[in-house]
Amino acid sequence: MEQKKLPNVTISLVLGIISFIACCFSWGIGGILLSGIGLFLTNKDKKIYEADPERYDNFNTLKTARIIAIIGLVLGVLTLLLIVGMLIAFGGLEGMQEWQEEQLRQAGMGA
């Protein structure tokens, strides 16, 4: 019997990798969203594989995609928690901006 590829492995892998980048630029929310979708797709493919393991040949890639999605999810959650913690500590976005301006002035880079 000819072995087939699991249908969502490639997109799960891509979503997991992009979630690394997205967690840094979207307050963690993008990383959480993309890695969550990737995890959903890998779990869906895992169920398909478990129903008929002899039929599919890219299960190792699926495991890799799942691990990358989990790492992306953890990074996204940590980034979000860090941002929320900073907002609380500085008293909001204005406080963060004031602190940043003060740091730039002390470094001799501000106006």
PDB file of N, CA and C in Angstrom:
ATOM      1  N   MET A   1       0.841  -1.169   0.000  1.00  0.00           N
ATOM      2  CA  MET A   1       0.000   0.000   0.000  1.00  0.00           C
ATOM      3  C   MET A   1       0.897   1.247   0.000  1.00  0.00           C
ATOM      4  N   GLU A   2       0.488   2.208  -0.796  1.00  0.00           N
ATOM      5  CA  GLU A   2       1.229   3.470  -0.892  1.00  0.00           C
ATOM      6  C   GLU A   2       0.939   4.348   0.317  1.00  0.00           C
ATOM      7  N   GLN A   3       2.037   4.886   0.903  1.00  0.00           N
ATOM      8  CA  GLN A   3       1.860   5.739   2.076  1.00  0.00           C
ATOM      9  C   GLN A   3       1.562   7.163   1.633  1.00  0.00           C
ATOM     10  N   LYS A   4       0.699   7.806   2.412  1.00  0.00           N
ATOM     11  CA  LYS A   4       0.287   9.174   2.127  1.00  0.00           C
ATOM     12  C   LYS A   4       0.856  10.109   3.180  1.00  0.00           C
ATOM     13  N   LYS A   5       0.740  11.393   2.910  1.00  0.00           N
ATOM     14  CA  LYS A   5       1.155  12.422   3.857  1.00  0.00           C
ATOM     15  C   LYS A   5      -0.060  12.878   4.658  1.00  0.00           C
ATOM     16  N   LEU A   6       0.171  13.174   5.921  1.00  0.00           N
ATOM     17  CA  LEU A   6      -0.906  13.748   6.738  1.00  0.00           C
ATOM     18  C   LEU A   6      -1.218  15.143   6.202  1.00  0.00           C
ATOM     19  N   PRO A   7      -2.488  15.533   6.162  1.00  0.00           N
ATOM     20  CA  PRO A   7      -2.881  16.741   5.421  1.00  0.00           C
ATOM     21  C   PRO A   7      -2.446  18.081   6.012  1.00  0.00           C
ATOM     22  N   ASN A   8      -2.286  18.198   7.316  1.00  0.00           N
ATOM     23  CA  ASN A   8      -2.053  19.509   7.917  1.00  0.00           C
ATOM     24  C   ASN A   8      -0.653  19.705   8.489  1.00  0.00           C
ATOM     25  N   VAL A   9       0.260  18.802   8.205  1.00  0.00           N
ATOM     26  CA  VAL A   9       1.592  18.863   8.812  1.00  0.00           C
ATOM     27  C   VAL A   9       2.347  20.115   8.382  1.00  0.00           C
ATOM     28  N   THR A  10       2.369  20.392   7.109  1.00  0.00           N
ATOM     29  CA  THR A  10       3.150  21.526   6.603  1.00  0.00           C
ATOM     30  C   THR A  10       2.617  22.848   7.134  1.00  0.00           C
ATOM     31  N   ILE A  11       1.319  23.043   7.095  1.00  0.00           N
ATOM     32  CA  ILE A  11       0.744  24.302   7.573  1.00  0.00           C
ATOM     33  C   ILE A  11       0.951  24.439   9.085  1.00  0.00           C
ATOM     34  N   SER A  12       0.893  23.335   9.827  1.00  0.00           N
ATOM     35  CA  SER A  12       1.145  23.383  11.266  1.00  0.00           C
ATOM     36  C   SER A  12       2.580  23.796  11.552  1.00  0.00           C
ATOM     37  N   LEU A  13       3.503  23.278  10.777  1.00  0.00           N
ATOM     38  CA  LEU A  13       4.907  23.625  10.934  1.00  0.00           C
ATOM     39  C   LEU A  13       5.138  25.100  10.627  1.00  0.00           C
ATOM     40  N   VAL A  14       4.549  25.579   9.560  1.00  0.00           N
ATOM     41  CA  VAL A  14       4.685  26.991   9.178  1.00  0.00           C
ATOM     42  C   VAL A  14       4.061  27.897  10.239  1.00  0.00           C
ATOM     43  N   LEU A  15       2.885  27.552  10.721  1.00  0.00           N
ATOM     44  CA  LEU A  15       2.227  28.359  11.756  1.00  0.00           C
ATOM     45  C   LEU A  15       3.056  28.394  13.039  1.00  0.00           C
ATOM     46  N   GLY A  16       3.650  27.269  13.396  1.00  0.00           N
ATOM     47  CA  GLY A  16       4.491  27.229  14.581  1.00  0.00           C
ATOM     48  C   GLY A  16       5.706  28.123  14.453  1.00  0.00           C
ATOM     49  N   ILE A  17       6.339  28.108  13.296  1.00  0.00           N
ATOM     50  CA  ILE A  17       7.516  28.947  13.072  1.00  0.00           C
ATOM     51  C   ILE A  17       7.137  30.421  13.050  1.00  0.00           C
ATOM     52  N   ILE A  18       6.059  30.758  12.384  1.00  0.00           N
ATOM     53  CA  ILE A  18       5.627  32.153  12.322  1.00  0.00           C
ATOM     54  C   ILE A  18       5.189  32.652  13.704  1.00  0.00           C
ATOM     55  N   SER A  19       4.700  31.743  14.546  1.00  0.00           N
ATOM     56  CA  SER A  19       4.273  32.156  15.889  1.00  0.00           C
ATOM     57  C   SER A  19       5.446  32.665  16.715  1.00  0.00           C
ATOM     58  N   PHE A  20       6.670  32.168  16.444  1.00  0.00           N
ATOM     59  CA  PHE A  20       7.858  32.694  17.133  1.00  0.00           C
ATOM     60  C   PHE A  20       8.013  34.179  16.854  1.00  0.00           C
ATOM     61  N   ILE A  21       7.874  34.546  15.609  1.00  0.00           N
ATOM     62  CA  ILE A  21       8.043  35.942  15.199  1.00  0.00           C
ATOM     63  C   ILE A  21       6.853  36.772  15.675  1.00  0.00           C
ATOM     64  N   ALA A  22       5.655  36.223  15.531  1.00  0.00           N
ATOM     65  CA  ALA A  22       4.443  36.968  15.878  1.00  0.00           C
ATOM     66  C   ALA A  22       4.357  37.283  17.365  1.00  0.00           C
ATOM     67  N   CYS A  23       4.929  36.429  18.203  1.00  0.00           N
ATOM     68  CA  CYS A  23       4.817  36.701  19.643  1.00  0.00           C
ATOM     69  C   CYS A  23       5.657  37.905  20.042  1.00  0.00           C
ATOM     70  N   CYS A  24       6.642  38.247  19.250  1.00  0.00           N
ATOM     71  CA  CYS A  24       7.492  39.397  19.572  1.00  0.00           C
ATOM     72  C   CYS A  24       6.898  40.715  19.088  1.00  0.00           C
ATOM     73  N   PHE A  25       6.043  40.685  18.105  1.00  0.00           N
ATOM     74  CA  PHE A  25       5.537  41.908  17.498  1.00  0.00           C
ATOM     75  C   PHE A  25       4.070  42.199  17.775  1.00  0.00           C
ATOM     76  N   SER A  26       3.397  41.346  18.475  1.00  0.00           N
ATOM     77  CA  SER A  26       1.965  41.569  18.690  1.00  0.00           C
ATOM     78  C   SER A  26       1.561  41.357  20.144  1.00  0.00           C
ATOM     79  N   TRP A  27       2.439  41.716  21.062  1.00  0.00           N
ATOM     80  CA  TRP A  27       2.199  41.588  22.493  1.00  0.00           C
ATOM     81  C   TRP A  27       1.926  40.147  22.908  1.00  0.00           C
ATOM     82  N   GLY A  28       2.361  39.186  22.114  1.00  0.00           N
ATOM     83  CA  GLY A  28       2.171  37.780  22.418  1.00  0.00           C
ATOM     84  C   GLY A  28       0.898  37.184  21.874  1.00  0.00           C
ATOM     85  N   ILE A  29      -0.048  38.028  21.537  1.00  0.00           N
ATOM     86  CA  ILE A  29      -1.358  37.525  21.101  1.00  0.00           C
ATOM     87  C   ILE A  29      -1.255  36.796  19.758  1.00  0.00           C
ATOM     88  N   GLY A  30      -0.464  37.331  18.843  1.00  0.00           N
ATOM     89  CA  GLY A  30      -0.294  36.681  17.544  1.00  0.00           C
ATOM     90  C   GLY A  30       0.345  35.308  17.688  1.00  0.00           C
ATOM     91  N   GLY A  31       1.346  35.211  18.556  1.00  0.00           N
ATOM     92  CA  GLY A  31       1.989  33.922  18.795  1.00  0.00           C
ATOM     93  C   GLY A  31       1.045  32.908  19.401  1.00  0.00           C
ATOM     94  N   ILE A  32       0.231  33.378  20.336  1.00  0.00           N
ATOM     95  CA  ILE A  32      -0.739  32.484  20.971  1.00  0.00           C
ATOM     96  C   ILE A  32      -1.763  32.001  19.945  1.00  0.00           C
ATOM     97  N   LEU A  33      -2.246  32.912  19.138  1.00  0.00           N
ATOM     98  CA  LEU A  33      -3.258  32.561  18.133  1.00  0.00           C
ATOM     99  C   LEU A  33      -2.710  31.583  17.091  1.00  0.00           C
ATOM    100  N   LEU A  34      -1.555  31.917  16.514  1.00  0.00           N
ATOM    101  CA  LEU A  34      -0.998  31.062  15.457  1.00  0.00           C
ATOM    102  C   LEU A  34      -0.575  29.696  15.983  1.00  0.00           C
ATOM    103  N   SER A  35       0.069  29.658  17.143  1.00  0.00           N
ATOM    104  CA  SER A  35       0.481  28.366  17.684  1.00  0.00           C
ATOM    105  C   SER A  35      -0.727  27.556  18.143  1.00  0.00           C
ATOM    106  N   GLY A  36      -1.773  28.233  18.605  1.00  0.00           N
ATOM    107  CA  GLY A  36      -2.998  27.525  18.979  1.00  0.00           C
ATOM    108  C   GLY A  36      -3.641  26.844  17.780  1.00  0.00           C
ATOM    109  N   ILE A  37      -3.668  27.545  16.663  1.00  0.00           N
ATOM    110  CA  ILE A  37      -4.196  26.940  15.432  1.00  0.00           C
ATOM    111  C   ILE A  37      -3.316  25.774  15.006  1.00  0.00           C
ATOM    112  N   GLY A  38      -1.996  25.963  15.101  1.00  0.00           N
ATOM    113  CA  GLY A  38      -1.067  24.885  14.751  1.00  0.00           C
ATOM    114  C   GLY A  38      -1.265  23.660  15.624  1.00  0.00           C
ATOM    115  N   LEU A  39      -1.449  23.875  16.924  1.00  0.00           N
ATOM    116  CA  LEU A  39      -1.699  22.747  17.831  1.00  0.00           C
ATOM    117  C   LEU A  39      -3.009  22.038  17.516  1.00  0.00           C
ATOM    118  N   PHE A  40      -4.030  22.821  17.199  1.00  0.00           N
ATOM    119  CA  PHE A  40      -5.313  22.226  16.828  1.00  0.00           C
ATOM    120  C   PHE A  40      -5.151  21.324  15.601  1.00  0.00           C
ATOM    121  N   LEU A  41      -4.420  21.816  14.599  1.00  0.00           N
ATOM    122  CA  LEU A  41      -4.225  21.034  13.374  1.00  0.00           C
ATOM    123  C   LEU A  41      -3.367  19.791  13.621  1.00  0.00           C
ATOM    124  N   THR A  42      -2.336  19.909  14.469  1.00  0.00           N
ATOM    125  CA  THR A  42      -1.513  18.727  14.745  1.00  0.00           C
ATOM    126  C   THR A  42      -2.303  17.679  15.518  1.00  0.00           C
ATOM    127  N   ASN A  43      -3.150  18.114  16.445  1.00  0.00           N
ATOM    128  CA  ASN A  43      -3.967  17.146  17.178  1.00  0.00           C
ATOM    129  C   ASN A  43      -4.965  16.455  16.247  1.00  0.00           C
ATOM    130  N   LYS A  44      -5.478  17.203  15.295  1.00  0.00           N
ATOM    131  CA  LYS A  44      -6.401  16.633  14.312  1.00  0.00           C
ATOM    132  C   LYS A  44      -5.692  15.566  13.468  1.00  0.00           C
ATOM    133  N   ASP A  45      -4.470  15.880  13.013  1.00  0.00           N
ATOM    134  CA  ASP A  45      -3.702  14.918  12.224  1.00  0.00           C
ATOM    135  C   ASP A  45      -3.253  13.726  13.062  1.00  0.00           C
ATOM    136  N   LYS A  46      -2.984  13.950  14.343  1.00  0.00           N
ATOM    137  CA  LYS A  46      -2.582  12.845  15.221  1.00  0.00           C
ATOM    138  C   LYS A  46      -3.707  11.822  15.339  1.00  0.00           C
ATOM    139  N   LYS A  47      -4.940  12.306  15.425  1.00  0.00           N
ATOM    140  CA  LYS A  47      -6.091  11.395  15.485  1.00  0.00           C
ATOM    141  C   LYS A  47      -6.227  10.608  14.183  1.00  0.00           C
ATOM    142  N   ILE A  48      -5.993  11.282  13.060  1.00  0.00           N
ATOM    143  CA  ILE A  48      -6.057  10.605  11.762  1.00  0.00           C
ATOM    144  C   ILE A  48      -4.988   9.520  11.694  1.00  0.00           C
ATOM    145  N   TYR A  49      -3.775   9.864  12.162  1.00  0.00           N
ATOM    146  CA  TYR A  49      -2.665   8.907  12.133  1.00  0.00           C
ATOM    147  C   TYR A  49      -2.947   7.703  13.023  1.00  0.00           C
ATOM    148  N   GLU A  50      -3.468   7.957  14.215  1.00  0.00           N
ATOM    149  CA  GLU A  50      -3.731   6.868  15.158  1.00  0.00           C
ATOM    150  C   GLU A  50      -4.807   5.912  14.650  1.00  0.00           C
ATOM    151  N   ALA A  51      -5.692   6.386  13.797  1.00  0.00           N
ATOM    152  CA  ALA A  51      -6.734   5.520  13.238  1.00  0.00           C
ATOM    153  C   ALA A  51      -6.142   4.505  12.263  1.00  0.00           C
ATOM    154  N   ASP A  52      -5.081   4.896  11.538  1.00  0.00           N
ATOM    155  CA  ASP A  52      -4.467   4.000  10.549  1.00  0.00           C
ATOM    156  C   ASP A  52      -2.991   4.369  10.370  1.00  0.00           C
ATOM    157  N   PRO A  53      -2.115   3.953  11.297  1.00  0.00           N
ATOM    158  CA  PRO A  53      -0.714   4.390  11.274  1.00  0.00           C
ATOM    159  C   PRO A  53       0.094   3.910  10.059  1.00  0.00           C
ATOM    160  N   GLU A  54      -0.259   2.769   9.501  1.00  0.00           N
ATOM    161  CA  GLU A  54       0.507   2.241   8.370  1.00  0.00           C
ATOM    162  C   GLU A  54       0.316   3.060   7.096  1.00  0.00           C
ATOM    163  N   ARG A  55      -0.705   3.867   7.075  1.00  0.00           N
ATOM    164  CA  ARG A  55      -1.076   4.598   5.869  1.00  0.00           C
ATOM    165  C   ARG A  55      -0.276   5.889   5.664  1.00  0.00           C
ATOM    166  N   TYR A  56       0.325   6.430   6.744  1.00  0.00           N
ATOM    167  CA  TYR A  56       0.966   7.741   6.677  1.00  0.00           C
ATOM    168  C   TYR A  56       2.447   7.628   7.029  1.00  0.00           C
ATOM    169  N   ASP A  57       3.247   8.467   6.384  1.00  0.00           N
ATOM    170  CA  ASP A  57       4.696   8.351   6.571  1.00  0.00           C
ATOM    171  C   ASP A  57       5.361   9.592   7.171  1.00  0.00           C
ATOM    172  N   ASN A  58       4.633  10.637   7.458  1.00  0.00           N
ATOM    173  CA  ASN A  58       5.277  11.856   7.967  1.00  0.00           C
ATOM    174  C   ASN A  58       4.883  12.174   9.412  1.00  0.00           C
ATOM    175  N   PHE A  59       4.769  11.138  10.233  1.00  0.00           N
ATOM    176  CA  PHE A  59       4.398  11.350  11.636  1.00  0.00           C
ATOM    177  C   PHE A  59       5.507  12.047  12.412  1.00  0.00           C
ATOM    178  N   ASN A  60       6.782  11.789  12.068  1.00  0.00           N
ATOM    179  CA  ASN A  60       7.887  12.462  12.753  1.00  0.00           C
ATOM    180  C   ASN A  60       7.835  13.973  12.515  1.00  0.00           C
ATOM    181  N   THR A  61       7.476  14.375  11.315  1.00  0.00           N
ATOM    182  CA  THR A  61       7.338  15.799  11.023  1.00  0.00           C
ATOM    183  C   THR A  61       6.168  16.379  11.817  1.00  0.00           C
ATOM    184  N   LEU A  62       5.126  15.616  11.993  1.00  0.00           N
ATOM    185  CA  LEU A  62       3.982  16.050  12.799  1.00  0.00           C
ATOM    186  C   LEU A  62       4.403  16.274  14.251  1.00  0.00           C
ATOM    187  N   LYS A  63       5.220  15.371  14.788  1.00  0.00           N
ATOM    188  CA  LYS A  63       5.698  15.549  16.168  1.00  0.00           C
ATOM    189  C   LYS A  63       6.551  16.810  16.280  1.00  0.00           C
ATOM    190  N   THR A  64       7.386  17.069  15.275  1.00  0.00           N
ATOM    191  CA  THR A  64       8.204  18.276  15.270  1.00  0.00           C
ATOM    192  C   THR A  64       7.325  19.524  15.227  1.00  0.00           C
ATOM    193  N   ALA A  65       6.315  19.512  14.373  1.00  0.00           N
ATOM    194  CA  ALA A  65       5.402  20.653  14.268  1.00  0.00           C
ATOM    195  C   ALA A  65       4.670  20.879  15.585  1.00  0.00           C
ATOM    196  N   ARG A  66       4.308  19.816  16.262  1.00  0.00           N
ATOM    197  CA  ARG A  66       3.614  19.942  17.554  1.00  0.00           C
ATOM    198  C   ARG A  66       4.528  20.570  18.603  1.00  0.00           C
ATOM    199  N   ILE A  67       5.775  20.139  18.640  1.00  0.00           N
ATOM    200  CA  ILE A  67       6.730  20.696  19.599  1.00  0.00           C
ATOM    201  C   ILE A  67       6.967  22.177  19.328  1.00  0.00           C
ATOM    202  N   ILE A  68       7.123  22.537  18.064  1.00  0.00           N
ATOM    203  CA  ILE A  68       7.337  23.938  17.706  1.00  0.00           C
ATOM    204  C   ILE A  68       6.115  24.779  18.072  1.00  0.00           C
ATOM    205  N   ALA A  69       4.922  24.247  17.848  1.00  0.00           N
ATOM    206  CA  ALA A  69       3.702  24.983  18.217  1.00  0.00           C
ATOM    207  C   ALA A  69       3.602  25.165  19.730  1.00  0.00           C
ATOM    208  N   ILE A  70       3.995  24.163  20.483  1.00  0.00           N
ATOM    209  CA  ILE A  70       3.962  24.284  21.953  1.00  0.00           C
ATOM    210  C   ILE A  70       4.958  25.348  22.408  1.00  0.00           C
ATOM    211  N   ILE A  71       6.157  25.349  21.831  1.00  0.00           N
ATOM    212  CA  ILE A  71       7.152  26.362  22.179  1.00  0.00           C
ATOM    213  C   ILE A  71       6.634  27.755  21.821  1.00  0.00           C
ATOM    214  N   GLY A  72       6.024  27.895  20.649  1.00  0.00           N
ATOM    215  CA  GLY A  72       5.445  29.178  20.247  1.00  0.00           C
ATOM    216  C   GLY A  72       4.348  29.629  21.190  1.00  0.00           C
ATOM    217  N   LEU A  73       3.547  28.689  21.655  1.00  0.00           N
ATOM    218  CA  LEU A  73       2.473  29.013  22.602  1.00  0.00           C
ATOM    219  C   LEU A  73       3.056  29.495  23.934  1.00  0.00           C
ATOM    220  N   VAL A  74       4.067  28.799  24.420  1.00  0.00           N
ATOM    221  CA  VAL A  74       4.700  29.201  25.682  1.00  0.00           C
ATOM    222  C   VAL A  74       5.337  30.578  25.552  1.00  0.00           C
ATOM    223  N   LEU A  75       6.050  30.819  24.447  1.00  0.00           N
ATOM    224  CA  LEU A  75       6.658  32.132  24.239  1.00  0.00           C
ATOM    225  C   LEU A  75       5.597  33.231  24.151  1.00  0.00           C
ATOM    226  N   GLY A  76       4.506  32.955  23.473  1.00  0.00           N
ATOM    227  CA  GLY A  76       3.427  33.933  23.356  1.00  0.00           C
ATOM    228  C   GLY A  76       2.813  34.265  24.706  1.00  0.00           C
ATOM    229  N   VAL A  77       2.582  33.241  25.518  1.00  0.00           N
ATOM    230  CA  VAL A  77       2.003  33.465  26.843  1.00  0.00           C
ATOM    231  C   VAL A  77       2.979  34.244  27.724  1.00  0.00           C
ATOM    232  N   LEU A  78       4.266  33.870  27.677  1.00  0.00           N
ATOM    233  CA  LEU A  78       5.258  34.591  28.478  1.00  0.00           C
ATOM    234  C   LEU A  78       5.368  36.053  28.052  1.00  0.00           C
ATOM    235  N   THR A  79       5.340  36.304  26.749  1.00  0.00           N
ATOM    236  CA  THR A  79       5.403  37.678  26.254  1.00  0.00           C
ATOM    237  C   THR A  79       4.191  38.470  26.719  1.00  0.00           C
ATOM    238  N   LEU A  80       3.022  37.883  26.612  1.00  0.00           N
ATOM    239  CA  LEU A  80       1.800  38.555  27.049  1.00  0.00           C
ATOM    240  C   LEU A  80       1.846  38.856  28.549  1.00  0.00           C
ATOM    241  N   LEU A  81       2.293  37.892  29.340  1.00  0.00           N
ATOM    242  CA  LEU A  81       2.402  38.113  30.776  1.00  0.00           C
ATOM    243  C   LEU A  81       3.423  39.203  31.103  1.00  0.00           C
ATOM    244  N   LEU A  82       4.523  39.236  30.370  1.00  0.00           N
ATOM    245  CA  LEU A  82       5.532  40.268  30.579  1.00  0.00           C
ATOM    246  C   LEU A  82       4.975  41.650  30.261  1.00  0.00           C
ATOM    247  N   ILE A  83       4.266  41.774  29.159  1.00  0.00           N
ATOM    248  CA  ILE A  83       3.679  43.061  28.774  1.00  0.00           C
ATOM    249  C   ILE A  83       2.642  43.507  29.808  1.00  0.00           C
ATOM    250  N   VAL A  84       1.777  42.603  30.222  1.00  0.00           N
ATOM    251  CA  VAL A  84       0.757  42.943  31.218  1.00  0.00           C
ATOM    252  C   VAL A  84       1.427  43.340  32.534  1.00  0.00           C
ATOM    253  N   GLY A  85       2.462  42.605  32.937  1.00  0.00           N
ATOM    254  CA  GLY A  85       3.189  42.947  34.150  1.00  0.00           C
ATOM    255  C   GLY A  85       3.836  44.315  34.066  1.00  0.00           C
ATOM    256  N   MET A  86       4.407  44.648  32.905  1.00  0.00           N
ATOM    257  CA  MET A  86       5.020  45.970  32.727  1.00  0.00           C
ATOM    258  C   MET A  86       3.959  47.069  32.761  1.00  0.00           C
ATOM    259  N   LEU A  87       2.820  46.827  32.147  1.00  0.00           N
ATOM    260  CA  LEU A  87       1.745  47.819  32.169  1.00  0.00           C
ATOM    261  C   LEU A  87       1.267  48.069  33.598  1.00  0.00           C
ATOM    262  N   ILE A  88       1.172  47.016  34.376  1.00  0.00           N
ATOM    263  CA  ILE A  88       0.751  47.176  35.769  1.00  0.00           C
ATOM    264  C   ILE A  88       1.825  47.909  36.566  1.00  0.00           C
ATOM    265  N   ALA A  89       3.073  47.524  36.376  1.00  0.00           N
ATOM    266  CA  ALA A  89       4.173  48.117  37.143  1.00  0.00           C
ATOM    267  C   ALA A  89       4.370  49.594  36.826  1.00  0.00           C
ATOM    268  N   PHE A  90       4.198  49.985  35.569  1.00  0.00           N
ATOM    269  CA  PHE A  90       4.416  51.368  35.162  1.00  0.00           C
ATOM    270  C   PHE A  90       3.146  52.211  35.202  1.00  0.00           C
ATOM    271  N   GLY A  91       2.054  51.631  35.537  1.00  0.00           N
ATOM    272  CA  GLY A  91       0.818  52.390  35.636  1.00  0.00           C
ATOM    273  C   GLY A  91       0.185  52.690  34.293  1.00  0.00           C
ATOM    274  N   GLY A  92       0.392  51.861  33.327  1.00  0.00           N
ATOM    275  CA  GLY A  92      -0.231  52.045  32.024  1.00  0.00           C
ATOM    276  C   GLY A  92       0.784  52.366  30.938  1.00  0.00           C
ATOM    277  N   LEU A  93       0.265  52.578  29.744  1.00  0.00           N
ATOM    278  CA  LEU A  93       1.110  52.834  28.581  1.00  0.00           C
ATOM    279  C   LEU A  93       1.846  54.165  28.692  1.00  0.00           C
ATOM    280  N   GLU A  94       1.209  55.155  29.262  1.00  0.00           N
ATOM    281  CA  GLU A  94       1.855  56.459  29.406  1.00  0.00           C
ATOM    282  C   GLU A  94       3.064  56.363  30.333  1.00  0.00           C
ATOM    283  N   GLY A  95       2.924  55.625  31.416  1.00  0.00           N
ATOM    284  CA  GLY A  95       4.027  55.432  32.350  1.00  0.00           C
ATOM    285  C   GLY A  95       5.205  54.734  31.698  1.00  0.00           C
ATOM    286  N   MET A  96       4.906  53.753  30.849  1.00  0.00           N
ATOM    287  CA  MET A  96       5.979  53.058  30.131  1.00  0.00           C
ATOM    288  C   MET A  96       6.700  54.014  29.190  1.00  0.00           C
ATOM    289  N   GLN A  97       5.946  54.864  28.490  1.00  0.00           N
ATOM    290  CA  GLN A  97       6.552  55.819  27.565  1.00  0.00           C
ATOM    291  C   GLN A  97       7.397  56.842  28.309  1.00  0.00           C
ATOM    292  N   GLU A  98       6.923  57.311  29.454  1.00  0.00           N
ATOM    293  CA  GLU A  98       7.702  58.259  30.252  1.00  0.00           C
ATOM    294  C   GLU A  98       9.008  57.620  30.727  1.00  0.00           C
ATOM    295  N   TRP A  99       8.939  56.390  31.181  1.00  0.00           N
ATOM    296  CA  TRP A  99      10.137  55.693  31.631  1.00  0.00           C
ATOM    297  C   TRP A  99      11.138  55.532  30.492  1.00  0.00           C
ATOM    298  N   GLN A 100      10.631  55.178  29.314  1.00  0.00           N
ATOM    299  CA  GLN A 100      11.498  55.009  28.148  1.00  0.00           C
ATOM    300  C   GLN A 100      12.161  56.329  27.778  1.00  0.00           C
ATOM    301  N   GLU A 101      11.421  57.416  27.781  1.00  0.00           N
ATOM    302  CA  GLU A 101      11.994  58.724  27.467  1.00  0.00           C
ATOM    303  C   GLU A 101      13.056  59.110  28.486  1.00  0.00           C
ATOM    304  N   GLU A 102      12.802  58.817  29.755  1.00  0.00           N
ATOM    305  CA  GLU A 102      13.778  59.116  30.806  1.00  0.00           C
ATOM    306  C   GLU A 102      15.064  58.313  30.593  1.00  0.00           C
ATOM    307  N   GLN A 103      14.918  57.066  30.226  1.00  0.00           N
ATOM    308  CA  GLN A 103      16.087  56.228  29.975  1.00  0.00           C
ATOM    309  C   GLN A 103      16.885  56.745  28.785  1.00  0.00           C
ATOM    310  N   LEU A 104      16.197  57.199  27.748  1.00  0.00           N
ATOM    311  CA  LEU A 104      16.885  57.752  26.578  1.00  0.00           C
ATOM    312  C   LEU A 104      17.608  59.051  26.927  1.00  0.00           C
ATOM    313  N   ARG A 105      16.993  59.903  27.737  1.00  0.00           N
ATOM    314  CA  ARG A 105      17.646  61.151  28.170  1.00  0.00           C
ATOM    315  C   ARG A 105      18.905  60.858  28.978  1.00  0.00           C
ATOM    316  N   GLN A 106      18.830  59.897  29.866  1.00  0.00           N
ATOM    317  CA  GLN A 106      19.982  59.536  30.677  1.00  0.00           C
ATOM    318  C   GLN A 106      21.118  58.969  29.832  1.00  0.00           C
ATOM    319  N   ALA A 107      20.765  58.313  28.744  1.00  0.00           N
ATOM    320  CA  ALA A 107      21.773  57.753  27.848  1.00  0.00           C
ATOM    321  C   ALA A 107      22.303  58.802  26.889  1.00  0.00           C
ATOM    322  N   GLY A 108      21.721  59.989  26.897  1.00  0.00           N
ATOM    323  CA  GLY A 108      22.171  61.056  26.003  1.00  0.00           C
ATOM    324  C   GLY A 108      21.621  60.946  24.599  1.00  0.00           C
ATOM    325  N   MET A 109      20.555  60.180  24.423  1.00  0.00           N
ATOM    326  CA  MET A 109      20.003  59.976  23.086  1.00  0.00           C
ATOM    327  C   MET A 109      18.691  60.708  22.887  1.00  0.00           C
ATOM    328  N   GLY A 110      18.119  61.217  23.946  1.00  0.00           N
ATOM    329  CA  GLY A 110      16.814  61.873  23.848  1.00  0.00           C
ATOM    330  C   GLY A 110      16.936  63.362  23.607  1.00  0.00           C
ATOM    331  N   ALA A 111      15.817  64.039  23.459  1.00  0.00           N
ATOM    332  CA  ALA A 111      15.800  65.465  23.204  1.00  0.00           C
ATOM    333  C   ALA A 111      15.893  66.265  24.472  1.00  0.00           C
TER     334      ALA A 111
END
